[in-house]
């Protein structure tokens, strides 16, 4: 079965704050992330993130999906966690992670992608998300 992919990225700068991922690399305004025409399912989500560990941190990261493209309502997917006991001034990068899903979608409708973290102040984290649609 054919697959189509849609991606967004962005930076989280505050703990326990829903941050919309609305850019795509050099595209600062790529427009709405629309479910492809003919798509039946959101088959998987591929995520990656990196943190600068500007302060002593610990926390979990997750992705929230919302909008009219999800007829069964919002979805939340955990994507990982990070932590250091002292501020290092360093960073940590996490490899891409693919999570299998089977979520019905409504073609030609928008899905809003948000990243959020829990725990203690993370400094700053950059998150990339790709949605994999099955036709």
C-alpha atoms as a PDB file:
ATOM      1  CA  UNK A   1       0.000   0.000   0.000  1.00  0.00           C
ATOM      2  CA  UNK A   2       1.330   3.446  -0.863  1.00  0.00           C
ATOM      3  CA  UNK A   3       2.447   5.770   1.919  1.00  0.00           C
ATOM      4  CA  UNK A   4       2.737   9.533   2.103  1.00  0.00           C
ATOM      5  CA  UNK A   5       4.668  11.565   4.649  1.00  0.00           C
ATOM      6  CA  UNK A   6       4.128  15.024   6.152  1.00  0.00           C
ATOM      7  CA  UNK A   7       6.659  16.679   8.500  1.00  0.00           C
ATOM      8  CA  UNK A   8       6.936  19.592  10.924  1.00  0.00           C
ATOM      9  CA  UNK A   9       9.578  20.814  13.388  1.00  0.00           C
ATOM     10  CA  UNK A  10      10.040  23.419  16.076  1.00  0.00           C
ATOM     11  CA  UNK A  11      11.664  24.333  19.379  1.00  0.00           C
ATOM     12  CA  UNK A  12      10.323  23.885  22.920  1.00  0.00           C
ATOM     13  CA  UNK A  13      11.584  26.527  25.353  1.00  0.00           C
ATOM     14  CA  UNK A  14       9.246  26.104  28.352  1.00  0.00           C
ATOM     15  CA  UNK A  15       8.282  23.124  30.494  1.00  0.00           C
ATOM     16  CA  UNK A  16       4.646  21.919  30.544  1.00  0.00           C
ATOM     17  CA  UNK A  17       3.769  24.174  27.610  1.00  0.00           C
ATOM     18  CA  UNK A  18       2.140  22.950  24.422  1.00  0.00           C
ATOM     19  CA  UNK A  19       4.274  24.240  21.528  1.00  0.00           C
ATOM     20  CA  UNK A  20       2.998  23.976  17.971  1.00  0.00           C
ATOM     21  CA  UNK A  21       5.482  22.563  15.471  1.00  0.00           C
ATOM     22  CA  UNK A  22       4.712  24.765  12.502  1.00  0.00           C
ATOM     23  CA  UNK A  23       7.885  25.105  10.435  1.00  0.00           C
ATOM     24  CA  UNK A  24       9.788  22.740   8.167  1.00  0.00           C
ATOM     25  CA  UNK A  25      13.486  23.536   7.950  1.00  0.00           C
ATOM     26  CA  UNK A  26      13.954  26.427   5.523  1.00  0.00           C
ATOM     27  CA  UNK A  27      10.172  26.792   5.115  1.00  0.00           C
ATOM     28  CA  UNK A  28       9.091  29.165   7.859  1.00  0.00           C
ATOM     29  CA  UNK A  29       5.416  28.985   6.815  1.00  0.00           C
ATOM     30  CA  UNK A  30       4.755  25.670   5.004  1.00  0.00           C
ATOM     31  CA  UNK A  31       1.002  26.031   5.468  1.00  0.00           C
ATOM     32  CA  UNK A  32      -1.374  23.640   7.186  1.00  0.00           C
ATOM     33  CA  UNK A  33      -0.412  19.994   7.557  1.00  0.00           C
ATOM     34  CA  UNK A  34      -3.238  18.382   5.616  1.00  0.00           C
ATOM     35  CA  UNK A  35      -4.164  14.705   5.575  1.00  0.00           C
ATOM     36  CA  UNK A  36      -3.433  13.568   1.990  1.00  0.00           C
ATOM     37  CA  UNK A  37      -6.422  12.937  -0.268  1.00  0.00           C
ATOM     38  CA  UNK A  38      -7.236   9.238  -0.209  1.00  0.00           C
ATOM     39  CA  UNK A  39      -5.444   8.562   3.096  1.00  0.00           C
ATOM     40  CA  UNK A  40      -7.209   6.082   5.371  1.00  0.00           C
ATOM     41  CA  UNK A  41      -4.902   5.836   8.394  1.00  0.00           C
ATOM     42  CA  UNK A  42      -2.168   7.589  10.266  1.00  0.00           C
ATOM     43  CA  UNK A  43       0.048   4.514  10.216  1.00  0.00           C
ATOM     44  CA  UNK A  44       3.076   5.763  12.155  1.00  0.00           C
ATOM     45  CA  UNK A  45       4.792   8.778  13.668  1.00  0.00           C
ATOM     46  CA  UNK A  46       8.546   9.277  13.305  1.00  0.00           C
ATOM     47  CA  UNK A  47      10.149  11.607  15.843  1.00  0.00           C
ATOM     48  CA  UNK A  48      13.525  12.904  16.898  1.00  0.00           C
ATOM     49  CA  UNK A  49      14.656  15.540  19.373  1.00  0.00           C
ATOM     50  CA  UNK A  50      17.755  17.211  20.778  1.00  0.00           C
ATOM     51  CA  UNK A  51      18.248  19.265  23.947  1.00  0.00           C
ATOM     52  CA  UNK A  52      20.959  21.773  24.805  1.00  0.00           C
ATOM     53  CA  UNK A  53      20.958  20.929  28.559  1.00  0.00           C
ATOM     54  CA  UNK A  54      21.622  24.549  29.481  1.00  0.00           C
ATOM     55  CA  UNK A  55      20.518  23.726  33.034  1.00  0.00           C
ATOM     56  CA  UNK A  56      20.222  20.584  35.157  1.00  0.00           C
ATOM     57  CA  UNK A  57      17.254  18.844  33.548  1.00  0.00           C
ATOM     58  CA  UNK A  58      15.046  15.813  33.568  1.00  0.00           C
ATOM     59  CA  UNK A  59      11.820  15.213  31.778  1.00  0.00           C
ATOM     60  CA  UNK A  60       9.768  13.334  29.254  1.00  0.00           C
ATOM     61  CA  UNK A  61       8.816  14.428  25.773  1.00  0.00           C
ATOM     62  CA  UNK A  62       5.603  13.742  23.914  1.00  0.00           C
ATOM     63  CA  UNK A  63       3.736  14.756  20.789  1.00  0.00           C
ATOM     64  CA  UNK A  64       0.116  15.889  20.727  1.00  0.00           C
ATOM     65  CA  UNK A  65      -1.900  15.607  17.512  1.00  0.00           C
ATOM     66  CA  UNK A  66      -5.129  17.597  17.239  1.00  0.00           C
ATOM     67  CA  UNK A  67      -7.508  18.939  14.627  1.00  0.00           C
ATOM     68  CA  UNK A  68     -10.313  18.017  12.241  1.00  0.00           C
ATOM     69  CA  UNK A  69      -8.094  15.484  10.426  1.00  0.00           C
ATOM     70  CA  UNK A  70      -8.513  13.150  13.429  1.00  0.00           C
ATOM     71  CA  UNK A  71     -12.185  12.091  13.574  1.00  0.00           C
ATOM     72  CA  UNK A  72     -11.716  10.211  16.871  1.00  0.00           C
ATOM     73  CA  UNK A  73     -10.203  13.253  18.603  1.00  0.00           C
ATOM     74  CA  UNK A  74      -6.751  14.261  19.855  1.00  0.00           C
ATOM     75  CA  UNK A  75      -3.929  11.744  20.277  1.00  0.00           C
ATOM     76  CA  UNK A  76      -0.783  11.854  22.444  1.00  0.00           C
ATOM     77  CA  UNK A  77       2.383   9.821  21.766  1.00  0.00           C
ATOM     78  CA  UNK A  78       5.362   9.591  24.138  1.00  0.00           C
ATOM     79  CA  UNK A  79       8.665  10.025  22.279  1.00  0.00           C
ATOM     80  CA  UNK A  80      11.344   9.795  24.991  1.00  0.00           C
ATOM     81  CA  UNK A  81      13.007  11.364  27.964  1.00  0.00           C
ATOM     82  CA  UNK A  82      16.256  13.063  28.900  1.00  0.00           C
ATOM     83  CA  UNK A  83      18.080  14.219  31.965  1.00  0.00           C
ATOM     84  CA  UNK A  84      21.354  15.333  33.504  1.00  0.00           C
ATOM     85  CA  UNK A  85      21.980  16.122  37.163  1.00  0.00           C
ATOM     86  CA  UNK A  86      24.152  19.190  36.554  1.00  0.00           C
ATOM     87  CA  UNK A  87      24.236  21.837  33.872  1.00  0.00           C
ATOM     88  CA  UNK A  88      26.870  20.767  31.395  1.00  0.00           C
ATOM     89  CA  UNK A  89      26.581  23.328  28.673  1.00  0.00           C
ATOM     90  CA  UNK A  90      26.489  20.306  26.361  1.00  0.00           C
ATOM     91  CA  UNK A  91      23.707  18.758  24.386  1.00  0.00           C
ATOM     92  CA  UNK A  92      22.085  15.451  23.719  1.00  0.00           C
ATOM     93  CA  UNK A  93      20.619  14.171  20.470  1.00  0.00           C
ATOM     94  CA  UNK A  94      18.269  11.249  20.130  1.00  0.00           C
ATOM     95  CA  UNK A  95      17.933   9.081  17.023  1.00  0.00           C
ATOM     96  CA  UNK A  96      14.731   8.984  15.046  1.00  0.00           C
ATOM     97  CA  UNK A  97      12.101   6.738  16.582  1.00  0.00           C
ATOM     98  CA  UNK A  98       9.179   5.237  14.640  1.00  0.00           C
ATOM     99  CA  UNK A  99       6.000   4.434  16.563  1.00  0.00           C
ATOM    100  CA  UNK A 100       3.396   2.250  14.832  1.00  0.00           C
ATOM    101  CA  UNK A 101      -0.170   3.584  14.957  1.00  0.00           C
ATOM    102  CA  UNK A 102      -3.540   2.766  13.403  1.00  0.00           C
ATOM    103  CA  UNK A 103      -5.466   6.019  13.733  1.00  0.00           C
ATOM    104  CA  UNK A 104      -8.298   6.825  11.302  1.00  0.00           C
ATOM    105  CA  UNK A 105      -7.958  10.154   9.487  1.00  0.00           C
ATOM    106  CA  UNK A 106     -10.206  12.469   7.490  1.00  0.00           C
ATOM    107  CA  UNK A 107      -8.634  13.270   4.093  1.00  0.00           C
ATOM    108  CA  UNK A 108      -7.995  16.916   3.173  1.00  0.00           C
ATOM    109  CA  UNK A 109      -8.413  18.036   6.800  1.00  0.00           C
ATOM    110  CA  UNK A 110      -5.729  19.591   8.998  1.00  0.00           C
ATOM    111  CA  UNK A 111      -3.710  17.959  11.768  1.00  0.00           C
ATOM    112  CA  UNK A 112      -1.983  20.278  14.241  1.00  0.00           C
ATOM    113  CA  UNK A 113       1.286  18.927  15.667  1.00  0.00           C
ATOM    114  CA  UNK A 114       2.454  19.992  19.125  1.00  0.00           C
ATOM    115  CA  UNK A 115       5.486  19.028  21.219  1.00  0.00           C
ATOM    116  CA  UNK A 116       5.555  19.204  24.989  1.00  0.00           C
ATOM    117  CA  UNK A 117       7.835  18.169  27.809  1.00  0.00           C
ATOM    118  CA  UNK A 118       7.302  17.421  31.463  1.00  0.00           C
ATOM    119  CA  UNK A 119       9.641  17.652  34.408  1.00  0.00           C
ATOM    120  CA  UNK A 120      12.185  20.345  35.152  1.00  0.00           C
ATOM    121  CA  UNK A 121      13.261  23.193  32.851  1.00  0.00           C
ATOM    122  CA  UNK A 122      14.940  21.680  29.789  1.00  0.00           C
ATOM    123  CA  UNK A 123      16.634  24.800  28.510  1.00  0.00           C
ATOM    124  CA  UNK A 124      15.707  24.319  24.873  1.00  0.00           C
ATOM    125  CA  UNK A 125      14.805  21.291  22.759  1.00  0.00           C
ATOM    126  CA  UNK A 126      14.312  21.004  19.021  1.00  0.00           C
ATOM    127  CA  UNK A 127      11.777  18.413  17.881  1.00  0.00           C
ATOM    128  CA  UNK A 128      11.118  16.931  14.439  1.00  0.00           C
ATOM    129  CA  UNK A 129       7.983  14.936  13.600  1.00  0.00           C
ATOM    130  CA  UNK A 130       6.951  13.053  10.475  1.00  0.00           C
ATOM    131  CA  UNK A 131       3.475  11.606  10.091  1.00  0.00           C
ATOM    132  CA  UNK A 132       3.227   8.497   7.910  1.00  0.00           C
ATOM    133  CA  UNK A 133      -0.148   8.109   6.168  1.00  0.00           C
ATOM    134  CA  UNK A 134      -1.405   4.897   4.566  1.00  0.00           C
ATOM    135  CA  UNK A 135      -3.495   5.211   1.439  1.00  0.00           C
END
